[in-house]
Amino acid sequence: MLNETPRPPHDSRNNPASRAAEEERVLVLRMRSDTGAQSHDSRNTWLRAVGAKEAGDVCGRCGLALAAEDTAWRVRERVARGQVVSTNVCRECAPERAREPEPFTYEGRRVVLYEPEPCEVCGRPVVWLYRPDWRLHSCCSDRCSARRYNRPRDVASAQAREKVCGVCGEAFTASRADAKTCSAKCKQKAYRQRRTAPDVVPKTETDKGEIRKKIKRLAARAARRRRWEEDVMMTAHQQGVQLTEEQWDRVEEVGGQIERLEMEVEELRDAL
């Protein structure tokens, strides 16, 4: 048996190739860590700028809270991956040329750039550092812009909810646009009046159309009950069995419903 000389333990530090591979691996890991940190910072910058644009109560650069009377400077902020976002900034983060604008004369009149304009919704002073062609209104944030856009609809909806109760005649603000009574008491009273009120001859074609629809519904309901009654009687005759007392009661009840429906249909037809 041959005597084998034991090998020394493997040490990568003594191998130039292994040492170079280890250094390359550490460099790649470090680059990945730096890239991740930059991406995280870019995302935070983007979130801060977009949040200031939507709410309008913070600075999109430093995150400082803005009071209701503080001026907001509307600027274009470059964020992650070259994206440009319109956002609000505070006075300290605004460009120096906009903080203290110098007036000048143009065609014989005095012009001041970057003059504050009040927000059309909340009244906050806004300084626009850029003038997009599509901007027709001055709003400090997306929230105020949405409120200004929905204002005509809200006004019309509020006016539609100002009603007069059809029972007691009192003015009230309804929670729904189709409300007709001011309270549950008046609603119940109106229901009882409808149930006991005599039929009124229609005076317009719209009323006639509504009555024709009601006649059609009542006639269809009576026809369904009559078919059910005929099916029950036919089934009992074919099977040669007698109806029980409960079944006879049900048949008589349905027969009474059919008579009432037919009478109501005749009354509506006479009203036409």
C-alpha atoms as a PDB file:
ATOM      1  CA  MET A   1       0.000   0.000   0.000  1.00  0.00           C
ATOM      2  CA  LEU A   2       1.361   3.352  -1.097  1.00  0.00           C
ATOM      3  CA  ASN A   3       1.896   6.054   1.483  1.00  0.00           C
ATOM      4  CA  GLU A   4       0.077   9.259   0.427  1.00  0.00           C
ATOM      5  CA  THR A   5       1.375  12.555   1.636  1.00  0.00           C
ATOM      6  CA  PRO A   6      -1.494  14.602   3.206  1.00  0.00           C
ATOM      7  CA  ARG A   7      -2.422  17.748   1.287  1.00  0.00           C
ATOM      8  CA  PRO A   8      -2.433  21.113   3.040  1.00  0.00           C
ATOM      9  CA  PRO A   9      -5.872  22.595   3.610  1.00  0.00           C
ATOM     10  CA  HIS A  10      -7.172  24.677   0.713  1.00  0.00           C
ATOM     11  CA  ASP A  11      -6.834  28.422   1.304  1.00  0.00           C
ATOM     12  CA  SER A  12      -8.446  30.754  -1.259  1.00  0.00           C
ATOM     13  CA  ARG A  13      -6.248  33.621  -0.055  1.00  0.00           C
ATOM     14  CA  ASN A  14      -3.220  31.867  -1.490  1.00  0.00           C
ATOM     15  CA  ASN A  15      -4.986  31.400  -4.879  1.00  0.00           C
ATOM     16  CA  PRO A  16      -4.829  34.541  -7.058  1.00  0.00           C
ATOM     17  CA  ALA A  17      -7.822  33.425  -9.164  1.00  0.00           C
ATOM     18  CA  SER A  18     -10.004  32.775  -6.123  1.00  0.00           C
ATOM     19  CA  ARG A  19      -8.971  36.066  -4.555  1.00  0.00           C
ATOM     20  CA  ALA A  20      -9.907  37.966  -7.717  1.00  0.00           C
ATOM     21  CA  ALA A  21     -13.289  36.207  -7.900  1.00  0.00           C
ATOM     22  CA  GLU A  22     -14.010  37.076  -4.261  1.00  0.00           C
ATOM     23  CA  GLU A  23     -13.154  40.734  -4.828  1.00  0.00           C
ATOM     24  CA  GLU A  24     -15.418  40.823  -7.876  1.00  0.00           C
ATOM     25  CA  ARG A  25     -18.279  39.273  -5.905  1.00  0.00           C
ATOM     26  CA  VAL A  26     -17.896  41.852  -3.097  1.00  0.00           C
ATOM     27  CA  LEU A  27     -17.847  44.676  -5.664  1.00  0.00           C
ATOM     28  CA  VAL A  28     -21.062  43.411  -7.310  1.00  0.00           C
ATOM     29  CA  LEU A  29     -22.807  43.140  -3.940  1.00  0.00           C
ATOM     30  CA  ARG A  30     -21.727  46.660  -3.036  1.00  0.00           C
ATOM     31  CA  MET A  31     -23.000  48.047  -6.344  1.00  0.00           C
ATOM     32  CA  ARG A  32     -26.327  46.291  -5.849  1.00  0.00           C
ATOM     33  CA  SER A  33     -26.639  47.755  -2.363  1.00  0.00           C
ATOM     34  CA  ASP A  34     -25.905  51.279  -3.628  1.00  0.00           C
ATOM     35  CA  THR A  35     -28.421  50.881  -6.459  1.00  0.00           C
ATOM     36  CA  GLY A  36     -31.090  49.690  -4.038  1.00  0.00           C
ATOM     37  CA  ALA A  37     -30.473  52.633  -1.731  1.00  0.00           C
ATOM     38  CA  GLN A  38     -30.714  55.039  -4.667  1.00  0.00           C
ATOM     39  CA  SER A  39     -33.955  53.420  -5.836  1.00  0.00           C
ATOM     40  CA  HIS A  40     -35.381  53.677  -2.327  1.00  0.00           C
ATOM     41  CA  ASP A  41     -34.423  57.362  -2.101  1.00  0.00           C
ATOM     42  CA  SER A  42     -35.892  58.026  -5.555  1.00  0.00           C
ATOM     43  CA  ARG A  43     -39.138  56.348  -4.600  1.00  0.00           C
ATOM     44  CA  ASN A  44     -39.370  58.420  -1.406  1.00  0.00           C
ATOM     45  CA  THR A  45     -38.751  61.571  -3.445  1.00  0.00           C
ATOM     46  CA  TRP A  46     -41.477  60.594  -5.891  1.00  0.00           C
ATOM     47  CA  LEU A  47     -43.970  59.785  -3.132  1.00  0.00           C
ATOM     48  CA  ARG A  48     -43.265  63.076  -1.349  1.00  0.00           C
ATOM     49  CA  ALA A  49     -43.691  65.109  -4.553  1.00  0.00           C
ATOM     50  CA  VAL A  50     -46.893  63.334  -5.585  1.00  0.00           C
ATOM     51  CA  GLY A  51     -48.337  63.605  -2.064  1.00  0.00           C
ATOM     52  CA  ALA A  52     -47.689  67.361  -2.013  1.00  0.00           C
ATOM     53  CA  LYS A  53     -49.306  67.694  -5.434  1.00  0.00           C
ATOM     54  CA  GLU A  54     -52.441  65.821  -4.340  1.00  0.00           C
ATOM     55  CA  ALA A  55     -52.942  67.343  -0.866  1.00  0.00           C
ATOM     56  CA  GLY A  56     -51.140  70.689  -1.160  1.00  0.00           C
ATOM     57  CA  ASP A  57     -50.442  70.946   2.584  1.00  0.00           C
ATOM     58  CA  VAL A  58     -46.771  69.838   2.575  1.00  0.00           C
ATOM     59  CA  CYS A  59     -43.611  70.757   0.706  1.00  0.00           C
ATOM     60  CA  GLY A  60     -42.743  68.352  -2.104  1.00  0.00           C
ATOM     61  CA  ARG A  61     -38.984  68.691  -1.468  1.00  0.00           C
ATOM     62  CA  CYS A  62     -38.348  68.949   2.259  1.00  0.00           C
ATOM     63  CA  GLY A  63     -41.697  67.635   3.551  1.00  0.00           C
ATOM     64  CA  LEU A  64     -42.391  70.746   5.664  1.00  0.00           C
ATOM     65  CA  ALA A  65     -46.067  71.171   6.610  1.00  0.00           C
ATOM     66  CA  LEU A  66     -47.729  74.246   5.098  1.00  0.00           C
ATOM     67  CA  ALA A  67     -50.343  76.219   6.987  1.00  0.00           C
ATOM     68  CA  ALA A  68     -53.558  77.336   5.329  1.00  0.00           C
ATOM     69  CA  GLU A  69     -52.237  80.890   4.848  1.00  0.00           C
ATOM     70  CA  ASP A  70     -48.741  79.885   3.633  1.00  0.00           C
ATOM     71  CA  THR A  71     -47.906  80.480  -0.015  1.00  0.00           C
ATOM     72  CA  ALA A  72     -47.353  77.436  -2.210  1.00  0.00           C
ATOM     73  CA  TRP A  73     -44.891  77.636  -5.091  1.00  0.00           C
ATOM     74  CA  ARG A  74     -45.905  75.366  -7.964  1.00  0.00           C
ATOM     75  CA  VAL A  75     -42.776  73.944  -9.624  1.00  0.00           C
ATOM     76  CA  ARG A  76     -41.737  71.001 -11.742  1.00  0.00           C
ATOM     77  CA  GLU A  77     -39.726  68.499  -9.696  1.00  0.00           C
ATOM     78  CA  ARG A  78     -37.468  65.892 -11.318  1.00  0.00           C
ATOM     79  CA  VAL A  79     -37.843  62.569  -9.514  1.00  0.00           C
ATOM     80  CA  ALA A  80     -36.967  58.904 -10.150  1.00  0.00           C
ATOM     81  CA  ARG A  81     -35.734  57.833 -13.594  1.00  0.00           C
ATOM     82  CA  GLY A  82     -36.009  61.267 -15.097  1.00  0.00           C
ATOM     83  CA  GLN A  83     -39.706  61.683 -14.352  1.00  0.00           C
ATOM     84  CA  VAL A  84     -40.965  65.239 -13.909  1.00  0.00           C
ATOM     85  CA  VAL A  85     -43.829  65.881 -11.489  1.00  0.00           C
ATOM     86  CA  SER A  86     -45.672  69.128 -10.835  1.00  0.00           C
ATOM     87  CA  THR A  87     -45.635  69.704  -7.072  1.00  0.00           C
ATOM     88  CA  ASN A  88     -45.816  72.353  -4.347  1.00  0.00           C
ATOM     89  CA  VAL A  89     -42.776  73.627  -2.441  1.00  0.00           C
ATOM     90  CA  CYS A  90     -42.309  75.980   0.505  1.00  0.00           C
ATOM     91  CA  ARG A  91     -40.617  79.383   0.425  1.00  0.00           C
ATOM     92  CA  GLU A  92     -37.215  78.003   1.472  1.00  0.00           C
ATOM     93  CA  CYS A  93     -37.255  75.423  -1.342  1.00  0.00           C
ATOM     94  CA  ALA A  94     -38.558  77.806  -4.003  1.00  0.00           C
ATOM     95  CA  PRO A  95     -36.083  79.366  -6.475  1.00  0.00           C
ATOM     96  CA  GLU A  96     -34.598  82.658  -5.386  1.00  0.00           C
ATOM     97  CA  ARG A  97     -35.879  84.433  -8.506  1.00  0.00           C
ATOM     98  CA  ALA A  98     -39.447  83.653  -7.428  1.00  0.00           C
ATOM     99  CA  ARG A  99     -39.135  84.620  -3.756  1.00  0.00           C
ATOM    100  CA  GLU A 100     -38.417  88.303  -4.430  1.00  0.00           C
ATOM    101  CA  PRO A 101     -39.429  89.026  -8.041  1.00  0.00           C
ATOM    102  CA  GLU A 102     -38.243  92.277  -9.548  1.00  0.00           C
ATOM    103  CA  PRO A 103     -40.892  94.203 -11.499  1.00  0.00           C
ATOM    104  CA  PHE A 104     -40.109  95.508 -14.953  1.00  0.00           C
ATOM    105  CA  THR A 105     -41.826  97.610 -17.604  1.00  0.00           C
ATOM    106  CA  TYR A 106     -43.212  96.010 -20.735  1.00  0.00           C
ATOM    107  CA  GLU A 107     -44.916  98.097 -23.427  1.00  0.00           C
ATOM    108  CA  GLY A 108     -45.489 100.935 -21.001  1.00  0.00           C
ATOM    109  CA  ARG A 109     -46.990  98.891 -18.194  1.00  0.00           C
ATOM    110  CA  ARG A 110     -45.549  97.528 -14.986  1.00  0.00           C
ATOM    111  CA  VAL A 111     -45.266  93.731 -14.930  1.00  0.00           C
ATOM    112  CA  VAL A 112     -44.500  91.537 -11.910  1.00  0.00           C
ATOM    113  CA  LEU A 113     -43.687  87.908 -12.560  1.00  0.00           C
ATOM    114  CA  TYR A 114     -44.521  85.192 -10.055  1.00  0.00           C
ATOM    115  CA  GLU A 115     -47.332  87.150  -8.439  1.00  0.00           C
ATOM    116  CA  PRO A 116     -49.401  85.037  -5.995  1.00  0.00           C
ATOM    117  CA  GLU A 117     -52.879  84.008  -7.097  1.00  0.00           C
ATOM    118  CA  PRO A 118     -55.513  82.802  -4.607  1.00  0.00           C
ATOM    119  CA  CYS A 119     -56.750  79.245  -4.905  1.00  0.00           C
ATOM    120  CA  GLU A 120     -60.322  79.215  -6.215  1.00  0.00           C
ATOM    121  CA  VAL A 121     -61.409  76.732  -3.522  1.00  0.00           C
ATOM    122  CA  CYS A 122     -59.445  77.221  -0.283  1.00  0.00           C
ATOM    123  CA  GLY A 123     -57.939  80.682  -0.936  1.00  0.00           C
ATOM    124  CA  ARG A 124     -54.292  79.638  -0.406  1.00  0.00           C
ATOM    125  CA  PRO A 125     -51.832  81.912  -2.282  1.00  0.00           C
ATOM    126  CA  VAL A 126     -50.267  80.036  -5.214  1.00  0.00           C
ATOM    127  CA  VAL A 127     -47.246  81.134  -7.277  1.00  0.00           C
ATOM    128  CA  TRP A 128     -46.962  79.369 -10.629  1.00  0.00           C
ATOM    129  CA  LEU A 129     -43.368  79.062 -11.835  1.00  0.00           C
ATOM    130  CA  TYR A 130     -44.535  77.651 -15.149  1.00  0.00           C
ATOM    131  CA  ARG A 131     -47.514  78.539 -17.312  1.00  0.00           C
ATOM    132  CA  PRO A 132     -49.075  75.560 -19.075  1.00  0.00           C
ATOM    133  CA  ASP A 133     -51.366  76.491 -21.946  1.00  0.00           C
ATOM    134  CA  TRP A 134     -54.171  74.313 -20.630  1.00  0.00           C
ATOM    135  CA  ARG A 135     -54.320  75.976 -17.189  1.00  0.00           C
ATOM    136  CA  LEU A 136     -57.484  78.078 -16.971  1.00  0.00           C
ATOM    137  CA  HIS A 137     -57.968  77.979 -13.193  1.00  0.00           C
ATOM    138  CA  SER A 138     -55.705  78.491 -10.193  1.00  0.00           C
ATOM    139  CA  CYS A 139     -55.871  75.626  -7.668  1.00  0.00           C
ATOM    140  CA  CYS A 140     -53.237  74.774  -5.071  1.00  0.00           C
ATOM    141  CA  SER A 141     -53.643  70.965  -5.284  1.00  0.00           C
ATOM    142  CA  ASP A 142     -55.390  68.146  -7.084  1.00  0.00           C
ATOM    143  CA  ARG A 143     -57.879  67.963  -4.206  1.00  0.00           C
ATOM    144  CA  CYS A 144     -58.959  71.581  -4.706  1.00  0.00           C
ATOM    145  CA  SER A 145     -59.024  71.081  -8.470  1.00  0.00           C
ATOM    146  CA  ALA A 146     -61.427  68.152  -8.072  1.00  0.00           C
ATOM    147  CA  ARG A 147     -63.643  70.197  -5.746  1.00  0.00           C
ATOM    148  CA  ARG A 148     -63.746  73.064  -8.229  1.00  0.00           C
ATOM    149  CA  TYR A 149     -64.625  70.638 -11.043  1.00  0.00           C
ATOM    150  CA  ASN A 150     -67.439  69.029  -9.010  1.00  0.00           C
ATOM    151  CA  ARG A 151     -68.795  72.315  -7.627  1.00  0.00           C
ATOM    152  CA  PRO A 152     -71.563  72.800 -10.274  1.00  0.00           C
ATOM    153  CA  ARG A 153     -72.748  69.245  -9.730  1.00  0.00           C
ATOM    154  CA  ASP A 154     -72.766  69.678  -5.938  1.00  0.00           C
ATOM    155  CA  VAL A 155     -74.701  72.946  -6.215  1.00  0.00           C
ATOM    156  CA  ALA A 156     -77.294  71.369  -8.513  1.00  0.00           C
ATOM    157  CA  SER A 157     -77.611  68.379  -6.211  1.00  0.00           C
ATOM    158  CA  ALA A 158     -78.059  70.620  -3.155  1.00  0.00           C
ATOM    159  CA  GLN A 159     -80.757  72.631  -4.945  1.00  0.00           C
ATOM    160  CA  ALA A 160     -82.556  69.424  -5.970  1.00  0.00           C
ATOM    161  CA  ARG A 161     -82.701  68.329  -2.322  1.00  0.00           C
ATOM    162  CA  GLU A 162     -84.530  71.489  -1.226  1.00  0.00           C
ATOM    163  CA  LYS A 163     -88.156  70.306  -1.294  1.00  0.00           C
ATOM    164  CA  VAL A 164     -91.614  70.939   0.093  1.00  0.00           C
ATOM    165  CA  CYS A 165     -93.379  68.070   1.820  1.00  0.00           C
ATOM    166  CA  GLY A 166     -96.375  66.846  -0.167  1.00  0.00           C
ATOM    167  CA  VAL A 167     -98.349  66.065   2.997  1.00  0.00           C
ATOM    168  CA  CYS A 168     -97.771  68.811   5.558  1.00  0.00           C
ATOM    169  CA  GLY A 169     -96.413  71.488   3.194  1.00  0.00           C
ATOM    170  CA  GLU A 170     -93.272  72.175   5.246  1.00  0.00           C
ATOM    171  CA  ALA A 171     -89.961  72.964   3.494  1.00  0.00           C
ATOM    172  CA  PHE A 172     -87.169  70.489   4.220  1.00  0.00           C
ATOM    173  CA  THR A 173     -83.753  69.361   2.971  1.00  0.00           C
ATOM    174  CA  ALA A 174     -84.047  65.815   1.703  1.00  0.00           C
ATOM    175  CA  SER A 175     -81.309  63.233   1.999  1.00  0.00           C
ATOM    176  CA  ARG A 176     -82.314  61.849  -1.411  1.00  0.00           C
ATOM    177  CA  ALA A 177     -83.270  63.626  -4.611  1.00  0.00           C
ATOM    178  CA  ASP A 178     -86.468  61.570  -5.058  1.00  0.00           C
ATOM    179  CA  ALA A 179     -87.846  62.152  -1.534  1.00  0.00           C
ATOM    180  CA  LYS A 180     -91.401  63.523  -1.363  1.00  0.00           C
ATOM    181  CA  THR A 181     -92.121  63.657   2.378  1.00  0.00           C
ATOM    182  CA  CYS A 182     -90.233  65.221   5.261  1.00  0.00           C
ATOM    183  CA  SER A 183     -90.603  62.416   7.806  1.00  0.00           C
ATOM    184  CA  ALA A 184     -91.699  58.830   8.327  1.00  0.00           C
ATOM    185  CA  LYS A 185     -95.014  60.058   9.735  1.00  0.00           C
ATOM    186  CA  CYS A 186     -95.845  62.003   6.576  1.00  0.00           C
ATOM    187  CA  LYS A 187     -94.662  59.103   4.445  1.00  0.00           C
ATOM    188  CA  GLN A 188     -97.096  56.735   6.164  1.00  0.00           C
ATOM    189  CA  LYS A 189     -99.888  59.285   5.856  1.00  0.00           C
ATOM    190  CA  ALA A 190     -99.229  59.668   2.119  1.00  0.00           C
ATOM    191  CA  TYR A 191     -99.333  55.895   1.692  1.00  0.00           C
ATOM    192  CA  ARG A 192    -102.721  55.694   3.409  1.00  0.00           C
ATOM    193  CA  GLN A 193    -104.041  58.511   1.238  1.00  0.00           C
ATOM    194  CA  ARG A 194    -102.960  56.669  -1.899  1.00  0.00           C
ATOM    195  CA  ARG A 195    -104.644  53.481  -0.710  1.00  0.00           C
ATOM    196  CA  THR A 196    -107.983  55.156   0.078  1.00  0.00           C
ATOM    197  CA  ALA A 197    -108.085  57.873  -2.595  1.00  0.00           C
ATOM    198  CA  PRO A 198    -110.614  57.377  -5.449  1.00  0.00           C
ATOM    199  CA  ASP A 199    -109.393  56.933  -8.995  1.00  0.00           C
ATOM    200  CA  VAL A 200    -108.833  60.194 -10.826  1.00  0.00           C
ATOM    201  CA  VAL A 201    -109.403  60.550 -14.532  1.00  0.00           C
ATOM    202  CA  PRO A 202    -106.044  61.258 -16.213  1.00  0.00           C
ATOM    203  CA  LYS A 203    -105.652  64.575 -17.951  1.00  0.00           C
ATOM    204  CA  THR A 204    -102.411  64.057 -19.880  1.00  0.00           C
ATOM    205  CA  GLU A 205    -101.036  61.458 -22.238  1.00  0.00           C
ATOM    206  CA  THR A 206     -98.309  60.658 -19.719  1.00  0.00           C
ATOM    207  CA  ASP A 207    -100.915  59.714 -17.118  1.00  0.00           C
ATOM    208  CA  LYS A 208    -102.741  57.606 -19.687  1.00  0.00           C
ATOM    209  CA  GLY A 209     -99.540  55.769 -20.511  1.00  0.00           C
ATOM    210  CA  GLU A 210     -98.907  55.050 -16.848  1.00  0.00           C
ATOM    211  CA  ILE A 211    -102.440  53.695 -16.428  1.00  0.00           C
ATOM    212  CA  ARG A 212    -102.036  51.458 -19.486  1.00  0.00           C
ATOM    213  CA  LYS A 213     -98.859  50.051 -17.994  1.00  0.00           C
ATOM    214  CA  LYS A 214    -100.643  49.403 -14.707  1.00  0.00           C
ATOM    215  CA  ILE A 215    -103.525  47.664 -16.512  1.00  0.00           C
ATOM    216  CA  LYS A 216    -101.023  45.436 -18.290  1.00  0.00           C
ATOM    217  CA  ARG A 217     -99.308  44.506 -15.028  1.00  0.00           C
ATOM    218  CA  LEU A 218    -102.565  43.740 -13.229  1.00  0.00           C
ATOM    219  CA  ALA A 219    -103.907  41.686 -16.133  1.00  0.00           C
ATOM    220  CA  ALA A 220    -100.712  39.634 -16.262  1.00  0.00           C
ATOM    221  CA  ARG A 221    -100.909  39.056 -12.509  1.00  0.00           C
ATOM    222  CA  ALA A 222    -104.532  37.861 -12.774  1.00  0.00           C
ATOM    223  CA  ALA A 223    -103.648  35.572 -15.686  1.00  0.00           C
ATOM    224  CA  ARG A 224    -100.834  33.935 -13.688  1.00  0.00           C
ATOM    225  CA  ARG A 225    -103.169  33.248 -10.762  1.00  0.00           C
ATOM    226  CA  ARG A 226    -105.851  31.851 -13.078  1.00  0.00           C
ATOM    227  CA  ARG A 227    -103.317  29.492 -14.706  1.00  0.00           C
ATOM    228  CA  TRP A 228    -102.243  28.299 -11.257  1.00  0.00           C
ATOM    229  CA  GLU A 229    -105.868  27.621 -10.304  1.00  0.00           C
ATOM    230  CA  GLU A 230    -106.506  25.679 -13.504  1.00  0.00           C
ATOM    231  CA  ASP A 231    -103.324  23.613 -13.074  1.00  0.00           C
ATOM    232  CA  VAL A 232    -104.300  22.615  -9.527  1.00  0.00           C
ATOM    233  CA  MET A 233    -107.801  21.540 -10.559  1.00  0.00           C
ATOM    234  CA  MET A 234    -106.536  19.670 -13.645  1.00  0.00           C
ATOM    235  CA  THR A 235    -103.854  17.824 -11.674  1.00  0.00           C
ATOM    236  CA  ALA A 236    -106.395  16.694  -9.062  1.00  0.00           C
ATOM    237  CA  HIS A 237    -108.802  15.532 -11.801  1.00  0.00           C
ATOM    238  CA  GLN A 238    -106.121  13.549 -13.660  1.00  0.00           C
ATOM    239  CA  GLN A 239    -104.874  11.846 -10.511  1.00  0.00           C
ATOM    240  CA  GLY A 240    -108.430  11.115  -9.288  1.00  0.00           C
ATOM    241  CA  VAL A 241    -107.889  12.661  -5.867  1.00  0.00           C
ATOM    242  CA  GLN A 242    -109.859  15.133  -3.814  1.00  0.00           C
ATOM    243  CA  LEU A 243    -108.376  18.423  -2.686  1.00  0.00           C
ATOM    244  CA  THR A 244    -107.796  18.818   1.014  1.00  0.00           C
ATOM    245  CA  GLU A 245    -109.443  21.522   3.032  1.00  0.00           C
ATOM    246  CA  GLU A 246    -106.248  23.627   3.049  1.00  0.00           C
ATOM    247  CA  GLN A 247    -105.945  23.311  -0.739  1.00  0.00           C
ATOM    248  CA  TRP A 248    -109.580  24.401  -1.190  1.00  0.00           C
ATOM    249  CA  ASP A 249    -108.949  27.419   1.032  1.00  0.00           C
ATOM    250  CA  ARG A 250    -105.936  28.354  -1.052  1.00  0.00           C
ATOM    251  CA  VAL A 251    -107.933  27.981  -4.285  1.00  0.00           C
ATOM    252  CA  GLU A 252    -110.722  30.187  -2.933  1.00  0.00           C
ATOM    253  CA  GLU A 253    -108.199  32.792  -1.781  1.00  0.00           C
ATOM    254  CA  VAL A 254    -106.600  32.894  -5.225  1.00  0.00           C
ATOM    255  CA  GLY A 255    -110.056  33.154  -6.807  1.00  0.00           C
ATOM    256  CA  GLY A 256    -110.826  36.183  -4.668  1.00  0.00           C
ATOM    257  CA  GLN A 257    -107.532  37.786  -5.709  1.00  0.00           C
ATOM    258  CA  ILE A 258    -108.397  37.210  -9.366  1.00  0.00           C
ATOM    259  CA  GLU A 259    -111.785  38.897  -8.939  1.00  0.00           C
ATOM    260  CA  ARG A 260    -110.252  41.928  -7.217  1.00  0.00           C
ATOM    261  CA  LEU A 261    -107.572  42.274  -9.912  1.00  0.00           C
ATOM    262  CA  GLU A 262    -110.141  42.066 -12.686  1.00  0.00           C
ATOM    263  CA  MET A 263    -112.328  44.666 -10.973  1.00  0.00           C
ATOM    264  CA  GLU A 264    -109.362  47.022 -10.653  1.00  0.00           C
ATOM    265  CA  VAL A 265    -108.525  46.503 -14.315  1.00  0.00           C
ATOM    266  CA  GLU A 266    -112.090  47.374 -15.303  1.00  0.00           C
ATOM    267  CA  GLU A 267    -112.036  50.522 -13.200  1.00  0.00           C
ATOM    268  CA  LEU A 268    -108.787  51.658 -14.810  1.00  0.00           C
ATOM    269  CA  ARG A 269    -110.162  50.977 -18.271  1.00  0.00           C
ATOM    270  CA  ASP A 270    -113.245  53.026 -17.469  1.00  0.00           C
ATOM    271  CA  ALA A 271    -110.940  55.875 -16.324  1.00  0.00           C
ATOM    272  CA  LEU A 272    -109.275  55.917 -19.728  1.00  0.00           C
END
